[in-house]
């Protein structure tokens, strides 16, 4: 199933910002940032794409980070670090436009 254009763009920004993959320490702040811009279903779709070609341990860590976003707040320094990586990859830090 093809992703909507917005989610395709998010995947492209993530791959540009993290060309070697997202390090586990960035999962929580990354998904916290995504939850500010996307719905829960959209975040889950992004996670599905990111975990499709990865190892099972990474997939579990990503799912855990998504679940933790509702319980744990990431540190502002972590949010700033991840925001800078995503901005370098072209992520529009303002709300992405929706069709």
PDB file of N, CA and C in Angstrom:
ATOM      1  N   UNK A   1       0.843  -1.178   0.000  1.00  0.00           N
ATOM      2  CA  UNK A   1       0.000   0.000   0.000  1.00  0.00           C
ATOM      3  C   UNK A   1       0.893   1.247   0.000  1.00  0.00           C
ATOM      4  N   UNK A   2       0.594   2.162  -0.867  1.00  0.00           N
ATOM      5  CA  UNK A   2       1.379   3.391  -0.974  1.00  0.00           C
ATOM      6  C   UNK A   2       1.036   4.345   0.171  1.00  0.00           C
ATOM      7  N   UNK A   3       2.056   5.026   0.649  1.00  0.00           N
ATOM      8  CA  UNK A   3       1.856   6.020   1.703  1.00  0.00           C
ATOM      9  C   UNK A   3       1.331   7.311   1.111  1.00  0.00           C
ATOM     10  N   UNK A   4       0.565   8.085   1.880  1.00  0.00           N
ATOM     11  CA  UNK A   4       0.172   9.421   1.429  1.00  0.00           C
ATOM     12  C   UNK A   4       1.425  10.286   1.233  1.00  0.00           C
ATOM     13  N   UNK A   5       1.321  11.307   0.395  1.00  0.00           N
ATOM     14  CA  UNK A   5       2.496  12.165   0.119  1.00  0.00           C
ATOM     15  C   UNK A   5       3.154  12.735   1.376  1.00  0.00           C
ATOM     16  N   UNK A   6       2.376  13.136   2.359  1.00  0.00           N
ATOM     17  CA  UNK A   6       2.961  13.701   3.576  1.00  0.00           C
ATOM     18  C   UNK A   6       3.852  12.676   4.279  1.00  0.00           C
ATOM     19  N   UNK A   7       3.375  11.444   4.404  1.00  0.00           N
ATOM     20  CA  UNK A   7       4.167  10.422   5.089  1.00  0.00           C
ATOM     21  C   UNK A   7       5.379  10.003   4.273  1.00  0.00           C
ATOM     22  N   UNK A   8       5.243   9.995   2.959  1.00  0.00           N
ATOM     23  CA  UNK A   8       6.395   9.730   2.096  1.00  0.00           C
ATOM     24  C   UNK A   8       7.463  10.796   2.323  1.00  0.00           C
ATOM     25  N   UNK A   9       7.036  12.046   2.437  1.00  0.00           N
ATOM     26  CA  UNK A   9       7.977  13.136   2.714  1.00  0.00           C
ATOM     27  C   UNK A   9       8.642  12.967   4.070  1.00  0.00           C
ATOM     28  N   UNK A  10       7.872  12.557   5.077  1.00  0.00           N
ATOM     29  CA  UNK A  10       8.437  12.351   6.414  1.00  0.00           C
ATOM     30  C   UNK A  10       9.530  11.286   6.359  1.00  0.00           C
ATOM     31  N   UNK A  11       9.267  10.181   5.664  1.00  0.00           N
ATOM     32  CA  UNK A  11      10.267   9.110   5.528  1.00  0.00           C
ATOM     33  C   UNK A  11      11.515   9.655   4.835  1.00  0.00           C
ATOM     34  N   UNK A  12      11.333  10.445   3.791  1.00  0.00           N
ATOM     35  CA  UNK A  12      12.481  11.030   3.080  1.00  0.00           C
ATOM     36  C   UNK A  12      13.269  11.953   3.995  1.00  0.00           C
ATOM     37  N   UNK A  13      12.590  12.771   4.805  1.00  0.00           N
ATOM     38  CA  UNK A  13      13.287  13.676   5.729  1.00  0.00           C
ATOM     39  C   UNK A  13      14.055  12.881   6.769  1.00  0.00           C
ATOM     40  N   UNK A  14      13.431  11.809   7.265  1.00  0.00           N
ATOM     41  CA  UNK A  14      14.119  10.985   8.262  1.00  0.00           C
ATOM     42  C   UNK A  14      15.364  10.336   7.672  1.00  0.00           C
ATOM     43  N   UNK A  15      15.257   9.851   6.466  1.00  0.00           N
ATOM     44  CA  UNK A  15      16.413   9.208   5.826  1.00  0.00           C
ATOM     45  C   UNK A  15      17.500  10.228   5.500  1.00  0.00           C
ATOM     46  N   UNK A  16      17.104  11.456   5.158  1.00  0.00           N
ATOM     47  CA  UNK A  16      18.094  12.505   4.900  1.00  0.00           C
ATOM     48  C   UNK A  16      18.762  12.953   6.205  1.00  0.00           C
ATOM     49  N   UNK A  17      17.972  13.081   7.260  1.00  0.00           N
ATOM     50  CA  UNK A  17      18.517  13.510   8.546  1.00  0.00           C
ATOM     51  C   UNK A  17      19.324  12.434   9.244  1.00  0.00           C
ATOM     52  N   UNK A  18      18.997  11.178   8.959  1.00  0.00           N
ATOM     53  CA  UNK A  18      19.670  10.042   9.579  1.00  0.00           C
ATOM     54  C   UNK A  18      20.074   9.040   8.499  1.00  0.00           C
ATOM     55  N   UNK A  19      21.046   9.390   7.664  1.00  0.00           N
ATOM     56  CA  UNK A  19      21.413   8.505   6.559  1.00  0.00           C
ATOM     57  C   UNK A  19      21.943   7.135   7.006  1.00  0.00           C
ATOM     58  N   UNK A  20      22.457   7.049   8.227  1.00  0.00           N
ATOM     59  CA  UNK A  20      22.972   5.777   8.744  1.00  0.00           C
ATOM     60  C   UNK A  20      21.962   5.086   9.660  1.00  0.00           C
ATOM     61  N   UNK A  21      20.735   5.578   9.672  1.00  0.00           N
ATOM     62  CA  UNK A  21      19.709   5.029  10.554  1.00  0.00           C
ATOM     63  C   UNK A  21      19.591   5.841  11.830  1.00  0.00           C
ATOM     64  N   UNK A  22      18.446   5.764  12.457  1.00  0.00           N
ATOM     65  CA  UNK A  22      18.188   6.513  13.688  1.00  0.00           C
ATOM     66  C   UNK A  22      18.798   5.752  14.861  1.00  0.00           C
ATOM     67  N   UNK A  23      19.691   6.412  15.620  1.00  0.00           N
ATOM     68  CA  UNK A  23      20.239   5.736  16.796  1.00  0.00           C
ATOM     69  C   UNK A  23      19.155   5.573  17.866  1.00  0.00           C
ATOM     70  N   UNK A  24      19.232   4.511  18.618  1.00  0.00           N
ATOM     71  CA  UNK A  24      18.192   4.210  19.603  1.00  0.00           C
ATOM     72  C   UNK A  24      17.974   5.352  20.586  1.00  0.00           C
ATOM     73  N   UNK A  25      19.026   6.074  20.941  1.00  0.00           N
ATOM     74  CA  UNK A  25      18.864   7.178  21.910  1.00  0.00           C
ATOM     75  C   UNK A  25      17.995   8.303  21.353  1.00  0.00           C
ATOM     76  N   UNK A  26      17.793   8.342  20.040  1.00  0.00           N
ATOM     77  CA  UNK A  26      16.955   9.374  19.430  1.00  0.00           C
ATOM     78  C   UNK A  26      15.512   8.926  19.207  1.00  0.00           C
ATOM     79  N   UNK A  27      15.191   7.668  19.489  1.00  0.00           N
ATOM     80  CA  UNK A  27      13.829   7.189  19.238  1.00  0.00           C
ATOM     81  C   UNK A  27      12.779   8.003  20.000  1.00  0.00           C
ATOM     82  N   UNK A  28      12.949   8.152  21.312  1.00  0.00           N
ATOM     83  CA  UNK A  28      11.942   8.841  22.111  1.00  0.00           C
ATOM     84  C   UNK A  28      11.754  10.287  21.659  1.00  0.00           C
ATOM     85  N   UNK A  29      12.829  11.097  21.536  1.00  0.00           N
ATOM     86  CA  UNK A  29      12.596  12.472  21.086  1.00  0.00           C
ATOM     87  C   UNK A  29      12.079  12.541  19.651  1.00  0.00           C
ATOM     88  N   UNK A  30      12.522  11.628  18.805  1.00  0.00           N
ATOM     89  CA  UNK A  30      12.048  11.629  17.420  1.00  0.00           C
ATOM     90  C   UNK A  30      10.547  11.392  17.362  1.00  0.00           C
ATOM     91  N   UNK A  31      10.082  10.362  18.042  1.00  0.00           N
ATOM     92  CA  UNK A  31       8.658  10.062  17.980  1.00  0.00           C
ATOM     93  C   UNK A  31       7.827  11.082  18.751  1.00  0.00           C
ATOM     94  N   UNK A  32       8.421  11.727  19.748  1.00  0.00           N
ATOM     95  CA  UNK A  32       7.724  12.832  20.412  1.00  0.00           C
ATOM     96  C   UNK A  32       7.530  13.989  19.426  1.00  0.00           C
ATOM     97  N   UNK A  33       8.569  14.282  18.645  1.00  0.00           N
ATOM     98  CA  UNK A  33       8.443  15.333  17.627  1.00  0.00           C
ATOM     99  C   UNK A  33       7.411  14.945  16.562  1.00  0.00           C
ATOM    100  N   UNK A  34       7.462  13.714  16.113  1.00  0.00           N
ATOM    101  CA  UNK A  34       6.496  13.275  15.102  1.00  0.00           C
ATOM    102  C   UNK A  34       5.073  13.362  15.626  1.00  0.00           C
ATOM    103  N   UNK A  35       4.862  13.023  16.904  1.00  0.00           N
ATOM    104  CA  UNK A  35       3.512  13.095  17.477  1.00  0.00           C
ATOM    105  C   UNK A  35       3.001  14.524  17.541  1.00  0.00           C
ATOM    106  N   UNK A  36       3.893  15.501  17.524  1.00  0.00           N
ATOM    107  CA  UNK A  36       3.465  16.903  17.499  1.00  0.00           C
ATOM    108  C   UNK A  36       2.911  17.288  16.137  1.00  0.00           C
ATOM    109  N   UNK A  37       3.315  16.556  15.099  1.00  0.00           N
ATOM    110  CA  UNK A  37       2.955  16.904  13.726  1.00  0.00           C
ATOM    111  C   UNK A  37       1.986  15.924  13.076  1.00  0.00           C
ATOM    112  N   UNK A  38       1.991  14.674  13.553  1.00  0.00           N
ATOM    113  CA  UNK A  38       1.230  13.618  12.894  1.00  0.00           C
ATOM    114  C   UNK A  38       0.250  12.969  13.865  1.00  0.00           C
ATOM    115  N   UNK A  39      -0.733  12.290  13.312  1.00  0.00           N
ATOM    116  CA  UNK A  39      -1.658  11.515  14.146  1.00  0.00           C
ATOM    117  C   UNK A  39      -0.969  10.244  14.624  1.00  0.00           C
ATOM    118  N   UNK A  40      -1.558   9.582  15.588  1.00  0.00           N
ATOM    119  CA  UNK A  40      -1.019   8.317  16.068  1.00  0.00           C
ATOM    120  C   UNK A  40      -0.929   7.272  14.964  1.00  0.00           C
ATOM    121  N   UNK A  41      -1.953   7.215  14.111  1.00  0.00           N
ATOM    122  CA  UNK A  41      -1.931   6.262  12.994  1.00  0.00           C
ATOM    123  C   UNK A  41      -0.815   6.587  12.004  1.00  0.00           C
ATOM    124  N   UNK A  42      -0.579   7.878  11.772  1.00  0.00           N
ATOM    125  CA  UNK A  42       0.489   8.274  10.856  1.00  0.00           C
ATOM    126  C   UNK A  42       1.856   7.923  11.430  1.00  0.00           C
ATOM    127  N   UNK A  43       2.042   8.137  12.734  1.00  0.00           N
ATOM    128  CA  UNK A  43       3.302   7.771  13.379  1.00  0.00           C
ATOM    129  C   UNK A  43       3.511   6.260  13.277  1.00  0.00           C
ATOM    130  N   UNK A  44       2.452   5.496  13.490  1.00  0.00           N
ATOM    131  CA  UNK A  44       2.554   4.036  13.387  1.00  0.00           C
ATOM    132  C   UNK A  44       2.928   3.615  11.964  1.00  0.00           C
ATOM    133  N   UNK A  45       2.372   4.295  10.959  1.00  0.00           N
ATOM    134  CA  UNK A  45       2.701   3.981   9.561  1.00  0.00           C
ATOM    135  C   UNK A  45       4.165   4.277   9.276  1.00  0.00           C
ATOM    136  N   UNK A  46       4.679   5.391   9.788  1.00  0.00           N
ATOM    137  CA  UNK A  46       6.097   5.729   9.622  1.00  0.00           C
ATOM    138  C   UNK A  46       6.954   4.664  10.298  1.00  0.00           C
ATOM    139  N   UNK A  47       6.576   4.272  11.499  1.00  0.00           N
ATOM    140  CA  UNK A  47       7.330   3.236  12.214  1.00  0.00           C
ATOM    141  C   UNK A  47       7.320   1.929  11.445  1.00  0.00           C
ATOM    142  N   UNK A  48       6.189   1.583  10.838  1.00  0.00           N
ATOM    143  CA  UNK A  48       6.115   0.349  10.045  1.00  0.00           C
ATOM    144  C   UNK A  48       7.120   0.378   8.901  1.00  0.00           C
ATOM    145  N   UNK A  49       7.231   1.510   8.233  1.00  0.00           N
ATOM    146  CA  UNK A  49       8.182   1.626   7.125  1.00  0.00           C
ATOM    147  C   UNK A  49       9.610   1.535   7.648  1.00  0.00           C
ATOM    148  N   UNK A  50       9.885   2.225   8.755  1.00  0.00           N
ATOM    149  CA  UNK A  50      11.241   2.222   9.305  1.00  0.00           C
ATOM    150  C   UNK A  50      11.661   0.847   9.799  1.00  0.00           C
ATOM    151  N   UNK A  51      10.715   0.063  10.294  1.00  0.00           N
ATOM    152  CA  UNK A  51      11.061  -1.249  10.846  1.00  0.00           C
ATOM    153  C   UNK A  51      10.957  -2.372   9.820  1.00  0.00           C
ATOM    154  N   UNK A  52      10.400  -2.106   8.656  1.00  0.00           N
ATOM    155  CA  UNK A  52      10.181  -3.161   7.661  1.00  0.00           C
ATOM    156  C   UNK A  52      11.472  -3.842   7.242  1.00  0.00           C
ATOM    157  N   UNK A  53      12.553  -3.092   7.121  1.00  0.00           N
ATOM    158  CA  UNK A  53      13.809  -3.685   6.661  1.00  0.00           C
ATOM    159  C   UNK A  53      14.839  -3.806   7.776  1.00  0.00           C
ATOM    160  N   UNK A  54      14.433  -3.493   9.007  1.00  0.00           N
ATOM    161  CA  UNK A  54      15.375  -3.533  10.112  1.00  0.00           C
ATOM    162  C   UNK A  54      15.328  -4.839  10.868  1.00  0.00           C
ATOM    163  N   UNK A  55      16.174  -4.909  11.881  1.00  0.00           N
ATOM    164  CA  UNK A  55      16.202  -6.117  12.678  1.00  0.00           C
ATOM    165  C   UNK A  55      15.077  -6.080  13.720  1.00  0.00           C
ATOM    166  N   UNK A  56      14.645  -7.228  14.216  1.00  0.00           N
ATOM    167  CA  UNK A  56      13.532  -7.279  15.167  1.00  0.00           C
ATOM    168  C   UNK A  56      13.784  -6.494  16.455  1.00  0.00           C
ATOM    169  N   UNK A  57      15.027  -6.440  16.922  1.00  0.00           N
ATOM    170  CA  UNK A  57      15.329  -5.688  18.147  1.00  0.00           C
ATOM    171  C   UNK A  57      15.081  -4.199  17.938  1.00  0.00           C
ATOM    172  N   UNK A  58      15.460  -3.675  16.777  1.00  0.00           N
ATOM    173  CA  UNK A  58      15.203  -2.261  16.477  1.00  0.00           C
ATOM    174  C   UNK A  58      13.711  -2.002  16.366  1.00  0.00           C
ATOM    175  N   UNK A  59      12.988  -2.918  15.735  1.00  0.00           N
ATOM    176  CA  UNK A  59      11.540  -2.762  15.594  1.00  0.00           C
ATOM    177  C   UNK A  59      10.885  -2.703  16.970  1.00  0.00           C
ATOM    178  N   UNK A  60      11.314  -3.574  17.876  1.00  0.00           N
ATOM    179  CA  UNK A  60      10.767  -3.562  19.228  1.00  0.00           C
ATOM    180  C   UNK A  60      11.117  -2.266  19.944  1.00  0.00           C
ATOM    181  N   UNK A  61      12.345  -1.791  19.785  1.00  0.00           N
ATOM    182  CA  UNK A  61      12.765  -0.540  20.432  1.00  0.00           C
ATOM    183  C   UNK A  61      11.959   0.641  19.905  1.00  0.00           C
ATOM    184  N   UNK A  62      11.664   0.646  18.610  1.00  0.00           N
ATOM    185  CA  UNK A  62      10.865   1.732  18.032  1.00  0.00           C
ATOM    186  C   UNK A  62       9.450   1.682  18.585  1.00  0.00           C
ATOM    187  N   UNK A  63       8.853   0.511  18.620  1.00  0.00           N
ATOM    188  CA  UNK A  63       7.496   0.365  19.164  1.00  0.00           C
ATOM    189  C   UNK A  63       7.456   0.793  20.638  1.00  0.00           C
ATOM    190  N   UNK A  64       8.491   0.430  21.386  1.00  0.00           N
ATOM    191  CA  UNK A  64       8.565   0.823  22.792  1.00  0.00           C
ATOM    192  C   UNK A  64       8.658   2.332  22.919  1.00  0.00           C
ATOM    193  N   UNK A  65       9.464   2.964  22.075  1.00  0.00           N
ATOM    194  CA  UNK A  65       9.605   4.427  22.114  1.00  0.00           C
ATOM    195  C   UNK A  65       8.279   5.103  21.809  1.00  0.00           C
ATOM    196  N   UNK A  66       7.539   4.584  20.838  1.00  0.00           N
ATOM    197  CA  UNK A  66       6.232   5.163  20.515  1.00  0.00           C
ATOM    198  C   UNK A  66       5.302   5.051  21.716  1.00  0.00           C
ATOM    199  N   UNK A  67       5.292   3.889  22.358  1.00  0.00           N
ATOM    200  CA  UNK A  67       4.447   3.707  23.536  1.00  0.00           C
ATOM    201  C   UNK A  67       4.888   4.630  24.673  1.00  0.00           C
ATOM    202  N   UNK A  68       6.185   4.822  24.824  1.00  0.00           N
ATOM    203  CA  UNK A  68       6.704   5.650  25.913  1.00  0.00           C
ATOM    204  C   UNK A  68       6.417   7.127  25.731  1.00  0.00           C
ATOM    205  N   UNK A  69       6.189   7.557  24.495  1.00  0.00           N
ATOM    206  CA  UNK A  69       5.927   8.976  24.248  1.00  0.00           C
ATOM    207  C   UNK A  69       4.726   9.445  25.060  1.00  0.00           C
ATOM    208  N   UNK A  70       3.770   8.565  25.273  1.00  0.00           N
ATOM    209  CA  UNK A  70       2.585   8.954  26.039  1.00  0.00           C
ATOM    210  C   UNK A  70       2.857   8.981  27.539  1.00  0.00           C
ATOM    211  N   UNK A  71       3.958   8.344  27.992  1.00  0.00           N
ATOM    212  CA  UNK A  71       4.257   8.259  29.416  1.00  0.00           C
ATOM    213  C   UNK A  71       5.478   9.058  29.845  1.00  0.00           C
ATOM    214  N   UNK A  72       6.469   9.176  28.976  1.00  0.00           N
ATOM    215  CA  UNK A  72       7.729   9.831  29.319  1.00  0.00           C
ATOM    216  C   UNK A  72       7.938  11.042  28.414  1.00  0.00           C
ATOM    217  N   UNK A  73       8.337  12.132  29.008  1.00  0.00           N
ATOM    218  CA  UNK A  73       8.662  13.314  28.221  1.00  0.00           C
ATOM    219  C   UNK A  73      10.159  13.314  27.924  1.00  0.00           C
ATOM    220  N   UNK A  74      10.536  13.487  26.659  1.00  0.00           N
ATOM    221  CA  UNK A  74      11.970  13.553  26.357  1.00  0.00           C
ATOM    222  C   UNK A  74      12.553  14.863  26.889  1.00  0.00           C
ATOM    223  N   UNK A  75      13.842  14.858  27.116  1.00  0.00           N
ATOM    224  CA  UNK A  75      14.522  16.066  27.561  1.00  0.00           C
ATOM    225  C   UNK A  75      14.543  17.090  26.437  1.00  0.00           C
ATOM    226  N   UNK A  76      14.470  18.348  26.791  1.00  0.00           N
ATOM    227  CA  UNK A  76      14.480  19.410  25.772  1.00  0.00           C
ATOM    228  C   UNK A  76      15.759  19.379  24.946  1.00  0.00           C
ATOM    229  N   UNK A  77      16.876  19.028  25.576  1.00  0.00           N
ATOM    230  CA  UNK A  77      18.139  18.914  24.828  1.00  0.00           C
ATOM    231  C   UNK A  77      18.069  17.830  23.772  1.00  0.00           C
ATOM    232  N   UNK A  78      17.381  16.731  24.088  1.00  0.00           N
ATOM    233  CA  UNK A  78      17.204  15.662  23.110  1.00  0.00           C
ATOM    234  C   UNK A  78      16.303  16.118  21.969  1.00  0.00           C
ATOM    235  N   UNK A  79      15.236  16.828  22.313  1.00  0.00           N
ATOM    236  CA  UNK A  79      14.336  17.367  21.277  1.00  0.00           C
ATOM    237  C   UNK A  79      15.106  18.317  20.373  1.00  0.00           C
ATOM    238  N   UNK A  80      15.934  19.176  20.951  1.00  0.00           N
ATOM    239  CA  UNK A  80      16.715  20.134  20.158  1.00  0.00           C
ATOM    240  C   UNK A  80      17.696  19.410  19.235  1.00  0.00           C
ATOM    241  N   UNK A  81      18.366  18.367  19.744  1.00  0.00           N
ATOM    242  CA  UNK A  81      19.320  17.610  18.928  1.00  0.00           C
ATOM    243  C   UNK A  81      18.616  16.943  17.748  1.00  0.00           C
ATOM    244  N   UNK A  82      17.496  16.296  18.001  1.00  0.00           N
ATOM    245  CA  UNK A  82      16.761  15.607  16.935  1.00  0.00           C
ATOM    246  C   UNK A  82      16.174  16.621  15.963  1.00  0.00           C
ATOM    247  N   UNK A  83      15.660  17.739  16.466  1.00  0.00           N
ATOM    248  CA  UNK A  83      15.133  18.788  15.592  1.00  0.00           C
ATOM    249  C   UNK A  83      16.200  19.302  14.644  1.00  0.00           C
ATOM    250  N   UNK A  84      17.411  19.482  15.152  1.00  0.00           N
ATOM    251  CA  UNK A  84      18.512  19.956  14.305  1.00  0.00           C
ATOM    252  C   UNK A  84      18.845  18.938  13.219  1.00  0.00           C
ATOM    253  N   UNK A  85      18.851  17.659  13.563  1.00  0.00           N
ATOM    254  CA  UNK A  85      19.124  16.610  12.551  1.00  0.00           C
ATOM    255  C   UNK A  85      18.047  16.616  11.475  1.00  0.00           C
ATOM    256  N   UNK A  86      16.789  16.720  11.905  1.00  0.00           N
ATOM    257  CA  UNK A  86      15.694  16.703  10.937  1.00  0.00           C
ATOM    258  C   UNK A  86      15.692  17.965  10.081  1.00  0.00           C
ATOM    259  N   UNK A  87      15.998  19.112  10.678  1.00  0.00           N
ATOM    260  CA  UNK A  87      16.062  20.354   9.906  1.00  0.00           C
ATOM    261  C   UNK A  87      17.161  20.272   8.855  1.00  0.00           C
ATOM    262  N   UNK A  88      18.274  19.647   9.210  1.00  0.00           N
ATOM    263  CA  UNK A  88      19.367  19.474   8.250  1.00  0.00           C
ATOM    264  C   UNK A  88      18.938  18.574   7.091  1.00  0.00           C
ATOM    265  N   UNK A  89      17.995  17.677   7.350  1.00  0.00           N
ATOM    266  CA  UNK A  89      17.475  16.802   6.311  1.00  0.00           C
ATOM    267  C   UNK A  89      16.310  17.389   5.543  1.00  0.00           C
ATOM    268  N   UNK A  90      15.915  18.628   5.883  1.00  0.00           N
ATOM    269  CA  UNK A  90      14.843  19.297   5.156  1.00  0.00           C
ATOM    270  C   UNK A  90      13.485  19.257   5.824  1.00  0.00           C
ATOM    271  N   UNK A  91      13.396  18.719   7.058  1.00  0.00           N
ATOM    272  CA  UNK A  91      12.123  18.651   7.766  1.00  0.00           C
ATOM    273  C   UNK A  91      11.610  20.057   8.025  1.00  0.00           C
ATOM    274  N   UNK A  92      10.387  20.345   7.601  1.00  0.00           N
ATOM    275  CA  UNK A  92       9.812  21.672   7.894  1.00  0.00           C
ATOM    276  C   UNK A  92       9.339  21.697   9.345  1.00  0.00           C
ATOM    277  N   UNK A  93      10.022  22.408  10.185  1.00  0.00           N
ATOM    278  CA  UNK A  93       9.687  22.403  11.607  1.00  0.00           C
ATOM    279  C   UNK A  93       8.352  23.078  11.894  1.00  0.00           C
ATOM    280  N   UNK A  94       7.862  23.844  10.947  1.00  0.00           N
ATOM    281  CA  UNK A  94       6.490  24.321  11.047  1.00  0.00           C
ATOM    282  C   UNK A  94       5.595  23.145  10.681  1.00  0.00           C
ATOM    283  N   UNK A  95       4.328  23.245  10.975  1.00  0.00           N
ATOM    284  CA  UNK A  95       3.409  22.144  10.685  1.00  0.00           C
ATOM    285  C   UNK A  95       3.408  21.829   9.206  1.00  0.00           C
ATOM    286  N   UNK A  96       3.635  20.552   8.841  1.00  0.00           N
ATOM    287  CA  UNK A  96       3.602  20.184   7.434  1.00  0.00           C
ATOM    288  C   UNK A  96       2.213  20.428   6.859  1.00  0.00           C
ATOM    289  N   UNK A  97       2.182  20.827   5.614  1.00  0.00           N
ATOM    290  CA  UNK A  97       0.887  21.063   4.979  1.00  0.00           C
ATOM    291  C   UNK A  97       0.231  19.735   4.641  1.00  0.00           C
ATOM    292  N   UNK A  98      -1.046  19.675   4.858  1.00  0.00           N
ATOM    293  CA  UNK A  98      -1.810  18.476   4.557  1.00  0.00           C
ATOM    294  C   UNK A  98      -2.660  18.735   3.330  1.00  0.00           C
ATOM    295  N   UNK A  99      -2.860  17.674   2.537  1.00  0.00           N
ATOM    296  CA  UNK A  99      -3.693  17.845   1.338  1.00  0.00           C
ATOM    297  C   UNK A  99      -5.124  18.164   1.686  1.00  0.00           C
TER     298      UNK A  99
END
